Amino acid sequence: FEYCRNRWISLQNYLTNGMLEIDSNLIENSIRPLALGRKNYLFAGSHDAAENIAMFYSFFGTCKKHDIDPLRWLKFVMDNIQATPVKNFKELLPQFINRDLI
């Protein structure tokens, strides 16, 4: 009751505004992979391994954001990285990749 009493105005806002969500499950579900990743980094074996895992989480998250299949993107990068000059590596990143190629 104390919780409700201290937040009574906010609770009334929820009741009068149909756009407010009753819970935060959608947000919690969207950040769950990040939270699991943080926990997994503790068991990566070394600091360098944890940085590599974090890098791949970032790549795959960027793929998801740009509606790119991460497996197809990674295969494309692995097949083409040797033929790509270092100055053009940026073109292999998910947000800059030519989607017609993958």
C-alpha atoms as a PDB file:
ATOM      1  CA  PHE A   1       0.000   0.000   0.000  1.00  0.00           C
ATOM      2  CA  GLU A   2       2.874   2.333   0.791  1.00  0.00           C
ATOM      3  CA  TYR A   3       4.199   1.841  -2.747  1.00  0.00           C
ATOM      4  CA  CYS A   4       0.827   2.796  -4.263  1.00  0.00           C
ATOM      5  CA  ARG A   5       0.344   5.721  -1.913  1.00  0.00           C
ATOM      6  CA  ASN A   6       3.758   7.166  -2.815  1.00  0.00           C
ATOM      7  CA  ARG A   7       3.037   6.799  -6.535  1.00  0.00           C
ATOM      8  CA  TRP A   8      -0.659   7.648  -6.564  1.00  0.00           C
ATOM      9  CA  ILE A   9      -0.369  10.500  -9.112  1.00  0.00           C
ATOM     10  CA  SER A  10       1.593   8.298 -11.498  1.00  0.00           C
ATOM     11  CA  LEU A  11      -0.953   5.512 -11.109  1.00  0.00           C
ATOM     12  CA  GLN A  12      -3.769   7.932 -11.887  1.00  0.00           C
ATOM     13  CA  ASN A  13      -1.908   9.011 -15.033  1.00  0.00           C
ATOM     14  CA  TYR A  14      -1.803   5.378 -16.117  1.00  0.00           C
ATOM     15  CA  LEU A  15      -5.551   5.071 -15.659  1.00  0.00           C
ATOM     16  CA  THR A  16      -6.346   8.228 -17.634  1.00  0.00           C
ATOM     17  CA  ASN A  17      -3.854   7.779 -20.497  1.00  0.00           C
ATOM     18  CA  GLY A  18      -4.412   4.651 -22.573  1.00  0.00           C
ATOM     19  CA  MET A  19      -1.013   5.003 -24.287  1.00  0.00           C
ATOM     20  CA  LEU A  20       0.918   4.208 -21.091  1.00  0.00           C
ATOM     21  CA  GLU A  21       2.028   0.578 -20.769  1.00  0.00           C
ATOM     22  CA  ILE A  22       1.209  -1.326 -17.610  1.00  0.00           C
ATOM     23  CA  ASP A  23       4.635  -2.959 -17.568  1.00  0.00           C
ATOM     24  CA  SER A  24       8.018  -2.743 -19.220  1.00  0.00           C
ATOM     25  CA  ASN A  25       8.180  -6.287 -20.652  1.00  0.00           C
ATOM     26  CA  LEU A  26       8.730  -5.115 -24.244  1.00  0.00           C
ATOM     27  CA  ILE A  27      11.771  -3.079 -23.243  1.00  0.00           C
ATOM     28  CA  GLU A  28      13.078  -5.754 -20.891  1.00  0.00           C
ATOM     29  CA  ASN A  29      12.818  -8.397 -23.623  1.00  0.00           C
ATOM     30  CA  SER A  30      14.653  -6.187 -26.117  1.00  0.00           C
ATOM     31  CA  ILE A  31      17.629  -5.628 -23.779  1.00  0.00           C
ATOM     32  CA  ARG A  32      17.792  -9.189 -22.410  1.00  0.00           C
ATOM     33  CA  PRO A  33      20.443 -10.324 -24.958  1.00  0.00           C
ATOM     34  CA  LEU A  34      22.662  -7.443 -23.845  1.00  0.00           C
ATOM     35  CA  ALA A  35      22.279  -8.384 -20.206  1.00  0.00           C
ATOM     36  CA  LEU A  36      23.054 -12.028 -20.976  1.00  0.00           C
ATOM     37  CA  GLY A  37      26.060 -10.922 -22.992  1.00  0.00           C
ATOM     38  CA  ARG A  38      27.421  -8.933 -20.061  1.00  0.00           C
ATOM     39  CA  LYS A  39      27.137 -12.020 -17.881  1.00  0.00           C
ATOM     40  CA  ASN A  40      28.824 -14.185 -20.518  1.00  0.00           C
ATOM     41  CA  TYR A  41      31.758 -11.783 -20.804  1.00  0.00           C
ATOM     42  CA  LEU A  42      32.722 -12.750 -17.253  1.00  0.00           C
ATOM     43  CA  PHE A  43      33.427 -16.283 -18.469  1.00  0.00           C
ATOM     44  CA  ALA A  44      35.119 -15.461 -21.791  1.00  0.00           C
ATOM     45  CA  GLY A  45      38.513 -16.665 -20.576  1.00  0.00           C
ATOM     46  CA  SER A  46      40.376 -13.400 -20.998  1.00  0.00           C
ATOM     47  CA  HIS A  47      39.841  -9.684 -21.411  1.00  0.00           C
ATOM     48  CA  ASP A  48      40.670  -9.904 -25.136  1.00  0.00           C
ATOM     49  CA  ALA A  49      38.142 -12.702 -25.631  1.00  0.00           C
ATOM     50  CA  ALA A  50      35.468 -10.638 -23.864  1.00  0.00           C
ATOM     51  CA  GLU A  51      36.214  -7.692 -26.160  1.00  0.00           C
ATOM     52  CA  ASN A  52      35.860  -9.974 -29.195  1.00  0.00           C
ATOM     53  CA  ILE A  53      32.515 -11.285 -27.943  1.00  0.00           C
ATOM     54  CA  ALA A  54      31.302  -7.734 -27.358  1.00  0.00           C
ATOM     55  CA  MET A  55      32.412  -6.777 -30.868  1.00  0.00           C
ATOM     56  CA  PHE A  56      30.363  -9.597 -32.394  1.00  0.00           C
ATOM     57  CA  TYR A  57      27.334  -8.676 -30.263  1.00  0.00           C
ATOM     58  CA  SER A  58      27.659  -5.169 -31.693  1.00  0.00           C
ATOM     59  CA  PHE A  59      27.948  -6.432 -35.278  1.00  0.00           C
ATOM     60  CA  PHE A  60      24.961  -8.744 -34.928  1.00  0.00           C
ATOM     61  CA  GLY A  61      22.918  -6.058 -33.168  1.00  0.00           C
ATOM     62  CA  THR A  62      23.663  -3.688 -36.046  1.00  0.00           C
ATOM     63  CA  CYS A  63      22.590  -6.392 -38.511  1.00  0.00           C
ATOM     64  CA  LYS A  64      19.330  -6.801 -36.626  1.00  0.00           C
ATOM     65  CA  LYS A  65      18.744  -3.041 -36.599  1.00  0.00           C
ATOM     66  CA  HIS A  66      19.245  -2.861 -40.382  1.00  0.00           C
ATOM     67  CA  ASP A  67      17.184  -6.014 -41.064  1.00  0.00           C
ATOM     68  CA  ILE A  68      20.183  -7.991 -42.323  1.00  0.00           C
ATOM     69  CA  ASP A  69      20.579 -11.719 -41.703  1.00  0.00           C
ATOM     70  CA  PRO A  70      23.690 -11.886 -39.456  1.00  0.00           C
ATOM     71  CA  LEU A  71      24.759 -15.290 -40.790  1.00  0.00           C
ATOM     72  CA  ARG A  72      24.597 -14.125 -44.417  1.00  0.00           C
ATOM     73  CA  TRP A  73      26.445 -10.919 -43.510  1.00  0.00           C
ATOM     74  CA  LEU A  74      29.191 -12.800 -41.654  1.00  0.00           C
ATOM     75  CA  LYS A  75      29.600 -15.295 -44.502  1.00  0.00           C
ATOM     76  CA  PHE A  76      29.848 -12.425 -46.997  1.00  0.00           C
ATOM     77  CA  VAL A  77      32.468 -10.663 -44.880  1.00  0.00           C
ATOM     78  CA  MET A  78      34.520 -13.846 -44.408  1.00  0.00           C
ATOM     79  CA  ASP A  79      34.389 -14.546 -48.152  1.00  0.00           C
ATOM     80  CA  ASN A  80      35.391 -10.986 -49.127  1.00  0.00           C
ATOM     81  CA  ILE A  81      37.626  -9.585 -46.411  1.00  0.00           C
ATOM     82  CA  GLN A  82      40.869 -10.783 -48.013  1.00  0.00           C
ATOM     83  CA  ALA A  83      40.063  -9.080 -51.310  1.00  0.00           C
ATOM     84  CA  THR A  84      39.000  -5.838 -49.620  1.00  0.00           C
ATOM     85  CA  PRO A  85      41.688  -3.169 -49.145  1.00  0.00           C
ATOM     86  CA  VAL A  86      42.071  -2.052 -45.537  1.00  0.00           C
ATOM     87  CA  LYS A  87      40.954   1.472 -46.440  1.00  0.00           C
ATOM     88  CA  ASN A  88      37.604  -0.016 -47.615  1.00  0.00           C
ATOM     89  CA  PHE A  89      36.882  -2.195 -44.560  1.00  0.00           C
ATOM     90  CA  LYS A  90      34.155   0.256 -43.549  1.00  0.00           C
ATOM     91  CA  GLU A  91      32.131  -0.970 -46.546  1.00  0.00           C
ATOM     92  CA  LEU A  92      31.914  -4.414 -44.921  1.00  0.00           C
ATOM     93  CA  LEU A  93      30.194  -3.126 -41.779  1.00  0.00           C
ATOM     94  CA  PRO A  94      26.494  -4.008 -41.620  1.00  0.00           C
ATOM     95  CA  GLN A  95      25.302  -0.390 -41.684  1.00  0.00           C
ATOM     96  CA  PHE A  96      27.348   0.415 -44.814  1.00  0.00           C
ATOM     97  CA  ILE A  97      27.210  -2.847 -46.755  1.00  0.00           C
ATOM     98  CA  ASN A  98      25.646  -2.947 -50.195  1.00  0.00           C
ATOM     99  CA  ARG A  99      22.592  -5.085 -49.461  1.00  0.00           C
ATOM    100  CA  ASP A 100      22.454  -6.278 -53.076  1.00  0.00           C
ATOM    101  CA  LEU A 101      25.698  -8.191 -52.479  1.00  0.00           C
ATOM    102  CA  ILE A 102      24.553 -10.315 -49.567  1.00  0.00           C
END
